[in-house]
Amino acid sequence: MKNFIALLLAAYCGFAGAAQNTPAEEAAAAPVQQYAYGQQLDIARVLEMSGIPDVCNVVPARMTYLDHQGQVHVLEYQVMGTGCSQG
């Protein structure tokens, strides 16, 4: 009897987990928002940040994050590349 209950519980958890999208799947479907200076952001957890190229120029970068309600957002903003010399 205990094995049967454990089997039912495992099957239920498997089906419940399969119905949810992963953050990567949700990020692929999320629209890209353009950041505006002074914009208030609700960031609970950063999921991914794009790399910054080795150029001496302003380039776009992206950050994928979860808000406090668990919604995935993709934010695009401008950064200075890392290729400028300090000398």
N, C-alpha and C. Protein backbone atom coordinates (compact mmCIF):
# COMPACT_ATOMS: atom_id res chain seq x y z
N MET A 1 0.82 -1.20 0.00
CA MET A 1 0.00 0.00 0.00
C MET A 1 0.87 1.26 0.00
N LYS A 2 1.94 1.25 0.82
CA LYS A 2 2.82 2.41 0.87
C LYS A 2 3.50 2.62 -0.48
N ASN A 3 3.87 1.52 -1.15
CA ASN A 3 4.51 1.64 -2.46
C ASN A 3 3.54 2.25 -3.48
N PHE A 4 2.28 1.88 -3.40
CA PHE A 4 1.28 2.40 -4.32
C PHE A 4 1.10 3.91 -4.13
N ILE A 5 1.03 4.34 -2.88
CA ILE A 5 0.88 5.77 -2.58
C ILE A 5 2.12 6.53 -3.06
N ALA A 6 3.30 5.98 -2.82
CA ALA A 6 4.53 6.63 -3.27
C ALA A 6 4.57 6.73 -4.79
N LEU A 7 4.10 5.70 -5.48
CA LEU A 7 4.06 5.69 -6.94
C LEU A 7 3.10 6.76 -7.46
N LEU A 8 1.92 6.88 -6.84
CA LEU A 8 0.96 7.91 -7.25
C LEU A 8 1.51 9.31 -7.01
N LEU A 9 2.16 9.51 -5.88
CA LEU A 9 2.74 10.81 -5.56
C LEU A 9 3.84 11.17 -6.56
N ALA A 10 4.68 10.21 -6.90
CA ALA A 10 5.76 10.46 -7.87
C ALA A 10 5.19 10.78 -9.24
N ALA A 11 4.14 10.08 -9.65
CA ALA A 11 3.52 10.34 -10.95
C ALA A 11 2.89 11.74 -10.97
N TYR A 12 2.23 12.12 -9.89
CA TYR A 12 1.62 13.45 -9.82
C TYR A 12 2.68 14.54 -9.91
N CYS A 13 3.76 14.38 -9.16
CA CYS A 13 4.84 15.39 -9.19
C CYS A 13 5.47 15.46 -10.57
N GLY A 14 5.60 14.34 -11.24
CA GLY A 14 6.16 14.33 -12.59
C GLY A 14 5.29 15.07 -13.57
N PHE A 15 3.98 14.87 -13.50
CA PHE A 15 3.07 15.57 -14.40
C PHE A 15 3.00 17.06 -14.08
N ALA A 16 3.02 17.41 -12.82
CA ALA A 16 2.96 18.82 -12.44
C ALA A 16 4.20 19.56 -12.89
N GLY A 17 5.36 18.93 -12.79
CA GLY A 17 6.60 19.56 -13.20
C GLY A 17 6.70 19.68 -14.71
N ALA A 18 6.12 18.74 -15.45
CA ALA A 18 6.20 18.77 -16.90
C ALA A 18 5.35 19.88 -17.49
N ALA A 19 4.34 20.31 -16.78
CA ALA A 19 3.43 21.33 -17.30
C ALA A 19 4.02 22.73 -17.19
N GLN A 20 5.05 22.92 -16.39
CA GLN A 20 5.63 24.25 -16.19
C GLN A 20 6.77 24.49 -17.17
N ASN A 21 6.87 25.73 -17.66
CA ASN A 21 7.97 26.10 -18.54
C ASN A 21 9.20 26.41 -17.71
N THR A 22 10.35 26.15 -18.29
CA THR A 22 11.60 26.51 -17.63
C THR A 22 11.84 28.00 -17.83
N PRO A 23 12.66 28.63 -16.99
CA PRO A 23 12.96 30.04 -17.18
C PRO A 23 13.54 30.34 -18.56
N ALA A 24 14.33 29.41 -19.12
CA ALA A 24 14.90 29.64 -20.45
C ALA A 24 13.80 29.67 -21.51
N GLU A 25 12.80 28.80 -21.38
CA GLU A 25 11.69 28.79 -22.33
C GLU A 25 10.86 30.06 -22.19
N GLU A 26 10.64 30.50 -20.97
CA GLU A 26 9.87 31.72 -20.74
C GLU A 26 10.63 32.94 -21.25
N ALA A 27 11.96 32.94 -21.08
CA ALA A 27 12.76 34.07 -21.55
C ALA A 27 12.72 34.16 -23.08
N ALA A 28 12.70 33.01 -23.74
CA ALA A 28 12.64 33.02 -25.21
C ALA A 28 11.32 33.61 -25.69
N ALA A 29 10.26 33.45 -24.91
CA ALA A 29 8.95 33.96 -25.30
C ALA A 29 8.70 35.38 -24.79
N ALA A 30 9.51 35.85 -23.87
CA ALA A 30 9.29 37.18 -23.28
C ALA A 30 9.72 38.27 -24.25
N PRO A 31 8.95 39.35 -24.35
CA PRO A 31 9.37 40.46 -25.22
C PRO A 31 10.57 41.19 -24.60
N VAL A 32 11.42 41.71 -25.45
CA VAL A 32 12.59 42.45 -24.99
C VAL A 32 12.17 43.88 -24.68
N GLN A 33 12.44 44.30 -23.45
CA GLN A 33 12.11 45.66 -23.02
C GLN A 33 13.36 46.52 -23.12
N GLN A 34 13.22 47.75 -23.61
CA GLN A 34 14.34 48.68 -23.69
C GLN A 34 14.40 49.48 -22.38
N TYR A 35 15.57 49.52 -21.77
CA TYR A 35 15.74 50.27 -20.53
C TYR A 35 15.77 51.77 -20.81
N ALA A 36 15.11 52.52 -19.96
CA ALA A 36 15.15 53.99 -20.01
C ALA A 36 15.74 54.48 -18.69
N TYR A 37 16.58 55.49 -18.76
CA TYR A 37 17.24 56.03 -17.57
C TYR A 37 16.21 56.38 -16.50
N GLY A 38 16.43 55.91 -15.28
CA GLY A 38 15.53 56.19 -14.17
C GLY A 38 14.37 55.22 -14.04
N GLN A 39 14.27 54.27 -14.95
CA GLN A 39 13.18 53.29 -14.91
C GLN A 39 13.30 52.43 -13.65
N GLN A 40 12.19 52.25 -12.96
CA GLN A 40 12.15 51.41 -11.77
C GLN A 40 12.02 49.95 -12.19
N LEU A 41 12.91 49.10 -11.69
CA LEU A 41 12.90 47.68 -12.04
C LEU A 41 12.60 46.85 -10.80
N ASP A 42 11.83 45.80 -10.99
CA ASP A 42 11.49 44.85 -9.93
C ASP A 42 12.28 43.58 -10.18
N ILE A 43 13.51 43.52 -9.67
CA ILE A 43 14.39 42.38 -9.93
C ILE A 43 14.51 41.55 -8.65
N ALA A 44 14.01 40.33 -8.72
CA ALA A 44 14.14 39.41 -7.58
C ALA A 44 15.37 38.53 -7.76
N ARG A 45 15.62 38.10 -9.01
CA ARG A 45 16.77 37.22 -9.27
C ARG A 45 17.20 37.36 -10.72
N VAL A 46 18.48 37.56 -10.94
CA VAL A 46 19.03 37.64 -12.29
C VAL A 46 19.28 36.22 -12.77
N LEU A 47 18.75 35.89 -13.95
CA LEU A 47 18.92 34.56 -14.52
C LEU A 47 20.10 34.49 -15.47
N GLU A 48 20.30 35.56 -16.26
CA GLU A 48 21.37 35.54 -17.25
C GLU A 48 21.72 36.97 -17.64
N MET A 49 23.01 37.18 -17.93
CA MET A 49 23.47 38.47 -18.46
C MET A 49 24.33 38.17 -19.67
N SER A 50 24.14 38.97 -20.74
CA SER A 50 24.95 38.77 -21.93
C SER A 50 26.37 39.26 -21.67
N GLY A 51 27.30 38.75 -22.46
CA GLY A 51 28.68 39.19 -22.36
C GLY A 51 28.85 40.56 -22.99
N ILE A 52 29.89 41.26 -22.59
CA ILE A 52 30.19 42.58 -23.15
C ILE A 52 31.41 42.41 -24.06
N PRO A 53 31.26 42.77 -25.34
CA PRO A 53 32.37 42.55 -26.28
C PRO A 53 33.58 43.45 -26.00
N ASP A 54 34.73 43.02 -26.51
CA ASP A 54 35.99 43.72 -26.33
C ASP A 54 36.16 44.75 -27.45
N VAL A 55 35.31 45.77 -27.44
CA VAL A 55 35.37 46.87 -28.41
C VAL A 55 35.35 48.18 -27.65
N CYS A 56 35.77 49.24 -28.31
CA CYS A 56 35.74 50.56 -27.69
C CYS A 56 34.57 51.33 -28.30
N ASN A 57 33.39 50.96 -27.88
CA ASN A 57 32.17 51.50 -28.45
C ASN A 57 31.01 51.22 -27.49
N VAL A 58 29.93 51.91 -27.65
CA VAL A 58 28.71 51.62 -26.89
C VAL A 58 28.00 50.47 -27.60
N VAL A 59 27.67 49.44 -26.83
CA VAL A 59 27.06 48.25 -27.40
C VAL A 59 25.83 47.85 -26.57
N PRO A 60 24.89 47.13 -27.18
CA PRO A 60 23.73 46.67 -26.41
C PRO A 60 24.10 45.45 -25.57
N ALA A 61 23.48 45.35 -24.41
CA ALA A 61 23.63 44.19 -23.53
C ALA A 61 22.23 43.79 -23.08
N ARG A 62 22.09 42.53 -22.67
CA ARG A 62 20.79 42.04 -22.20
C ARG A 62 20.91 41.38 -20.85
N MET A 63 19.85 41.54 -20.06
CA MET A 63 19.74 40.87 -18.78
C MET A 63 18.37 40.20 -18.72
N THR A 64 18.37 38.93 -18.34
CA THR A 64 17.13 38.20 -18.14
C THR A 64 16.96 38.01 -16.65
N TYR A 65 15.78 38.38 -16.13
CA TYR A 65 15.58 38.31 -14.69
C TYR A 65 14.14 37.93 -14.34
N LEU A 66 13.97 37.52 -13.10
CA LEU A 66 12.64 37.24 -12.54
C LEU A 66 12.24 38.40 -11.65
N ASP A 67 10.98 38.82 -11.74
CA ASP A 67 10.48 39.83 -10.80
C ASP A 67 9.96 39.12 -9.55
N HIS A 68 9.46 39.87 -8.59
CA HIS A 68 9.01 39.29 -7.33
C HIS A 68 7.72 38.47 -7.46
N GLN A 69 7.07 38.53 -8.62
CA GLN A 69 5.89 37.71 -8.87
C GLN A 69 6.23 36.46 -9.68
N GLY A 70 7.51 36.28 -9.98
CA GLY A 70 7.95 35.10 -10.72
C GLY A 70 7.87 35.22 -12.23
N GLN A 71 7.61 36.42 -12.73
CA GLN A 71 7.53 36.64 -14.18
C GLN A 71 8.94 36.88 -14.74
N VAL A 72 9.19 36.31 -15.93
CA VAL A 72 10.48 36.47 -16.59
C VAL A 72 10.47 37.73 -17.44
N HIS A 73 11.54 38.53 -17.36
CA HIS A 73 11.69 39.75 -18.16
C HIS A 73 13.05 39.72 -18.84
N VAL A 74 13.10 40.28 -20.05
CA VAL A 74 14.36 40.46 -20.77
C VAL A 74 14.54 41.95 -20.99
N LEU A 75 15.62 42.50 -20.47
CA LEU A 75 15.88 43.93 -20.53
C LEU A 75 17.12 44.19 -21.38
N GLU A 76 16.99 45.09 -22.34
CA GLU A 76 18.15 45.47 -23.15
C GLU A 76 18.55 46.89 -22.77
N TYR A 77 19.87 47.10 -22.62
CA TYR A 77 20.39 48.39 -22.20
C TYR A 77 21.73 48.61 -22.91
N GLN A 78 22.25 49.82 -22.84
CA GLN A 78 23.50 50.17 -23.50
C GLN A 78 24.65 50.19 -22.49
N VAL A 79 25.79 49.61 -22.87
CA VAL A 79 27.00 49.64 -22.04
C VAL A 79 28.19 50.00 -22.92
N MET A 80 29.25 50.44 -22.28
CA MET A 80 30.50 50.69 -22.99
C MET A 80 31.27 49.39 -23.09
N GLY A 81 31.77 49.09 -24.27
CA GLY A 81 32.57 47.87 -24.46
C GLY A 81 33.84 47.91 -23.61
N THR A 82 34.47 46.76 -23.48
CA THR A 82 35.64 46.66 -22.60
C THR A 82 36.96 46.86 -23.33
N GLY A 83 36.92 47.28 -24.61
CA GLY A 83 38.15 47.37 -25.40
C GLY A 83 38.84 48.71 -25.41
N CYS A 84 38.40 49.66 -24.62
CA CYS A 84 39.06 50.98 -24.60
C CYS A 84 40.27 50.94 -23.69
N SER A 85 41.39 51.51 -24.16
CA SER A 85 42.59 51.53 -23.33
C SER A 85 42.48 52.66 -22.31
N GLN A 86 43.12 52.47 -21.18
CA GLN A 86 43.08 53.46 -20.10
C GLN A 86 44.20 54.49 -20.24
N GLY A 87 45.08 54.32 -21.20
CA GLY A 87 46.26 55.18 -21.30
C GLY A 87 46.13 56.26 -22.21
